[in-house]
Amino acid sequence: MYPLCINHAGWILPRKILTGSIGRIAGFGQAGSAVIPFMTGALASRFGIKPLQPLLVAMMGLMTALWEIIPNHAKRRD
């Protein structure tokens, strides 16, 4: 999702705010990459490994939904 967001931001955002926006996207990407393993470990330590499969299916469904809502063709705004 991260490369997709960076590429899409390059097409839809004006050039004057693009650099700051890419920094924010990178920050959210790093935070997300830390939260999901922590959440998985917390669930596994509390309930065992049974909730891990539904968590994986939910994450894949969320990523698929996010992939579908991003438009295919965007025009650059300058």
N, C-alpha and C. Protein backbone atom coordinates (compact mmCIF):
# COMPACT_ATOMS: atom_id res chain seq x y z
N MET A 1 0.82 -1.19 0.00
CA MET A 1 0.00 0.00 0.00
C MET A 1 0.87 1.27 0.00
N TYR A 2 2.03 1.21 0.64
CA TYR A 2 2.86 2.40 0.72
C TYR A 2 3.30 2.91 -0.66
N PRO A 3 3.84 2.06 -1.54
CA PRO A 3 4.22 2.58 -2.86
C PRO A 3 3.03 3.09 -3.65
N LEU A 4 1.89 2.46 -3.47
CA LEU A 4 0.68 2.90 -4.16
C LEU A 4 0.27 4.30 -3.69
N CYS A 5 0.33 4.54 -2.39
CA CYS A 5 -0.03 5.86 -1.85
C CYS A 5 0.95 6.94 -2.32
N ILE A 6 2.23 6.62 -2.33
CA ILE A 6 3.23 7.60 -2.78
C ILE A 6 3.01 7.94 -4.25
N ASN A 7 2.79 6.95 -5.08
CA ASN A 7 2.57 7.17 -6.50
C ASN A 7 1.29 7.97 -6.73
N HIS A 8 0.25 7.61 -6.03
CA HIS A 8 -1.03 8.30 -6.20
C HIS A 8 -0.94 9.75 -5.72
N ALA A 9 -0.22 9.98 -4.62
CA ALA A 9 -0.05 11.34 -4.11
C ALA A 9 0.69 12.21 -5.13
N GLY A 10 1.65 11.62 -5.82
CA GLY A 10 2.38 12.37 -6.84
C GLY A 10 1.49 12.84 -7.98
N TRP A 11 0.41 12.12 -8.23
CA TRP A 11 -0.49 12.50 -9.31
C TRP A 11 -1.59 13.48 -8.88
N ILE A 12 -2.07 13.38 -7.64
CA ILE A 12 -3.25 14.18 -7.29
C ILE A 12 -2.94 15.44 -6.48
N LEU A 13 -1.77 15.52 -5.86
CA LEU A 13 -1.47 16.68 -5.01
C LEU A 13 -0.71 17.74 -5.79
N PRO A 14 -0.95 19.00 -5.46
CA PRO A 14 -0.17 20.07 -6.09
C PRO A 14 1.30 19.99 -5.66
N ARG A 15 2.18 20.45 -6.52
CA ARG A 15 3.61 20.33 -6.26
C ARG A 15 4.06 21.09 -5.01
N LYS A 16 3.37 22.16 -4.64
CA LYS A 16 3.83 22.95 -3.50
C LYS A 16 3.63 22.24 -2.16
N ILE A 17 2.74 21.26 -2.08
CA ILE A 17 2.57 20.52 -0.83
C ILE A 17 2.98 19.05 -0.95
N LEU A 18 3.54 18.66 -2.06
CA LEU A 18 3.86 17.25 -2.31
C LEU A 18 4.95 16.73 -1.37
N THR A 19 5.99 17.51 -1.12
CA THR A 19 7.09 17.04 -0.27
C THR A 19 6.63 16.78 1.15
N GLY A 20 5.90 17.72 1.72
CA GLY A 20 5.38 17.53 3.08
C GLY A 20 4.39 16.38 3.16
N SER A 21 3.59 16.22 2.12
CA SER A 21 2.62 15.13 2.11
C SER A 21 3.29 13.77 2.04
N ILE A 22 4.36 13.66 1.28
CA ILE A 22 5.09 12.39 1.21
C ILE A 22 5.72 12.08 2.56
N GLY A 23 6.18 13.09 3.27
CA GLY A 23 6.70 12.87 4.63
C GLY A 23 5.63 12.35 5.57
N ARG A 24 4.44 12.91 5.48
CA ARG A 24 3.34 12.43 6.33
C ARG A 24 2.94 11.01 5.97
N ILE A 25 2.88 10.70 4.68
CA ILE A 25 2.55 9.34 4.25
C ILE A 25 3.60 8.36 4.78
N ALA A 26 4.86 8.73 4.72
CA ALA A 26 5.93 7.86 5.23
C ALA A 26 5.79 7.66 6.74
N GLY A 27 5.45 8.72 7.46
CA GLY A 27 5.25 8.61 8.91
C GLY A 27 4.11 7.68 9.27
N PHE A 28 2.98 7.82 8.58
CA PHE A 28 1.85 6.94 8.84
C PHE A 28 2.19 5.49 8.46
N GLY A 29 2.95 5.31 7.40
CA GLY A 29 3.35 3.96 7.00
C GLY A 29 4.22 3.30 8.05
N GLN A 30 5.15 4.06 8.62
CA GLN A 30 6.02 3.49 9.66
C GLN A 30 5.24 3.20 10.93
N ALA A 31 4.30 4.07 11.28
CA ALA A 31 3.48 3.83 12.47
C ALA A 31 2.61 2.59 12.27
N GLY A 32 2.04 2.43 11.10
CA GLY A 32 1.23 1.26 10.82
C GLY A 32 2.03 -0.02 10.83
N SER A 33 3.26 0.06 10.36
CA SER A 33 4.09 -1.15 10.36
C SER A 33 4.52 -1.53 11.77
N ALA A 34 4.40 -0.63 12.74
CA ALA A 34 4.71 -0.96 14.13
C ALA A 34 3.47 -1.38 14.90
N VAL A 35 2.31 -0.85 14.56
CA VAL A 35 1.09 -1.12 15.32
C VAL A 35 0.57 -2.53 15.06
N ILE A 36 0.56 -2.95 13.81
CA ILE A 36 -0.05 -4.25 13.48
C ILE A 36 0.72 -5.42 14.11
N PRO A 37 2.06 -5.48 14.08
CA PRO A 37 2.74 -6.57 14.79
C PRO A 37 2.52 -6.51 16.31
N PHE A 38 2.46 -5.31 16.87
CA PHE A 38 2.19 -5.19 18.30
C PHE A 38 0.81 -5.72 18.64
N MET A 39 -0.18 -5.36 17.84
CA MET A 39 -1.55 -5.83 18.06
C MET A 39 -1.62 -7.35 17.93
N THR A 40 -0.94 -7.91 16.95
CA THR A 40 -0.93 -9.35 16.76
C THR A 40 -0.29 -10.05 17.95
N GLY A 41 0.82 -9.54 18.43
CA GLY A 41 1.48 -10.13 19.60
C GLY A 41 0.65 -10.01 20.86
N ALA A 42 -0.02 -8.89 21.04
CA ALA A 42 -0.87 -8.72 22.21
C ALA A 42 -2.04 -9.71 22.18
N LEU A 43 -2.66 -9.89 21.02
CA LEU A 43 -3.75 -10.86 20.91
C LEU A 43 -3.25 -12.28 21.14
N ALA A 44 -2.08 -12.61 20.59
CA ALA A 44 -1.55 -13.96 20.74
C ALA A 44 -1.18 -14.26 22.19
N SER A 45 -0.66 -13.28 22.90
CA SER A 45 -0.30 -13.52 24.29
C SER A 45 -1.53 -13.61 25.19
N ARG A 46 -2.58 -12.95 24.82
CA ARG A 46 -3.80 -12.96 25.64
C ARG A 46 -4.69 -14.16 25.34
N PHE A 47 -4.91 -14.47 24.06
CA PHE A 47 -5.89 -15.49 23.67
C PHE A 47 -5.27 -16.71 23.00
N GLY A 48 -3.99 -16.73 22.77
CA GLY A 48 -3.38 -17.84 22.04
C GLY A 48 -3.36 -17.52 20.55
N ILE A 49 -3.22 -18.54 19.72
CA ILE A 49 -3.09 -18.29 18.29
C ILE A 49 -4.42 -18.34 17.54
N LYS A 50 -5.52 -18.64 18.23
CA LYS A 50 -6.81 -18.74 17.55
C LYS A 50 -7.26 -17.44 16.88
N PRO A 51 -7.07 -16.25 17.46
CA PRO A 51 -7.55 -15.04 16.78
C PRO A 51 -6.65 -14.55 15.65
N LEU A 52 -5.53 -15.19 15.42
CA LEU A 52 -4.60 -14.69 14.40
C LEU A 52 -5.13 -14.88 12.98
N GLN A 53 -5.80 -15.98 12.70
CA GLN A 53 -6.33 -16.18 11.36
C GLN A 53 -7.43 -15.16 11.03
N PRO A 54 -8.43 -14.91 11.91
CA PRO A 54 -9.40 -13.86 11.59
C PRO A 54 -8.76 -12.48 11.44
N LEU A 55 -7.72 -12.21 12.23
CA LEU A 55 -7.02 -10.93 12.11
C LEU A 55 -6.36 -10.80 10.74
N LEU A 56 -5.73 -11.88 10.29
CA LEU A 56 -5.10 -11.87 8.97
C LEU A 56 -6.12 -11.67 7.86
N VAL A 57 -7.25 -12.35 7.96
CA VAL A 57 -8.31 -12.21 6.95
C VAL A 57 -8.87 -10.79 6.96
N ALA A 58 -9.04 -10.22 8.15
CA ALA A 58 -9.55 -8.84 8.25
C ALA A 58 -8.56 -7.84 7.64
N MET A 59 -7.26 -8.03 7.90
CA MET A 59 -6.26 -7.13 7.33
C MET A 59 -6.22 -7.23 5.81
N MET A 60 -6.34 -8.46 5.29
CA MET A 60 -6.35 -8.62 3.83
C MET A 60 -7.60 -8.00 3.22
N GLY A 61 -8.74 -8.12 3.89
CA GLY A 61 -9.98 -7.49 3.42
C GLY A 61 -9.88 -5.97 3.44
N LEU A 62 -9.28 -5.43 4.48
CA LEU A 62 -9.10 -3.98 4.56
C LEU A 62 -8.19 -3.48 3.44
N MET A 63 -7.10 -4.17 3.19
CA MET A 63 -6.18 -3.75 2.13
C MET A 63 -6.84 -3.85 0.76
N THR A 64 -7.65 -4.88 0.55
CA THR A 64 -8.38 -5.02 -0.71
C THR A 64 -9.38 -3.89 -0.89
N ALA A 65 -10.08 -3.53 0.19
CA ALA A 65 -11.05 -2.43 0.12
C ALA A 65 -10.35 -1.11 -0.17
N LEU A 66 -9.21 -0.87 0.47
CA LEU A 66 -8.46 0.35 0.20
C LEU A 66 -7.95 0.38 -1.24
N TRP A 67 -7.54 -0.76 -1.75
CA TRP A 67 -7.06 -0.84 -3.13
C TRP A 67 -8.18 -0.49 -4.11
N GLU A 68 -9.40 -0.93 -3.80
CA GLU A 68 -10.53 -0.70 -4.70
C GLU A 68 -11.03 0.74 -4.71
N ILE A 69 -10.85 1.48 -3.62
CA ILE A 69 -11.39 2.84 -3.59
C ILE A 69 -10.47 3.86 -4.24
N ILE A 70 -9.23 3.49 -4.51
CA ILE A 70 -8.31 4.43 -5.16
C ILE A 70 -8.62 4.44 -6.66
N PRO A 71 -8.90 5.61 -7.22
CA PRO A 71 -9.25 5.66 -8.64
C PRO A 71 -8.08 5.24 -9.54
N ASN A 72 -8.43 4.73 -10.70
CA ASN A 72 -7.41 4.24 -11.64
C ASN A 72 -6.70 5.36 -12.37
N HIS A 73 -7.43 6.37 -12.81
CA HIS A 73 -6.85 7.43 -13.61
C HIS A 73 -7.04 8.76 -12.89
N ALA A 74 -5.95 9.38 -12.56
CA ALA A 74 -6.01 10.68 -11.90
C ALA A 74 -5.22 11.67 -12.74
N LYS A 75 -5.65 12.91 -12.73
CA LYS A 75 -4.95 13.96 -13.44
C LYS A 75 -4.18 14.80 -12.44
N ARG A 76 -2.99 15.20 -12.85
CA ARG A 76 -2.16 16.03 -11.97
C ARG A 76 -2.72 17.44 -11.91
N ARG A 77 -2.79 17.96 -10.68
CA ARG A 77 -3.19 19.35 -10.49
C ARG A 77 -1.96 20.17 -10.17
N ASP A 78 -1.70 21.17 -10.96
CA ASP A 78 -0.52 22.04 -10.72
C ASP A 78 -0.91 23.38 -10.21
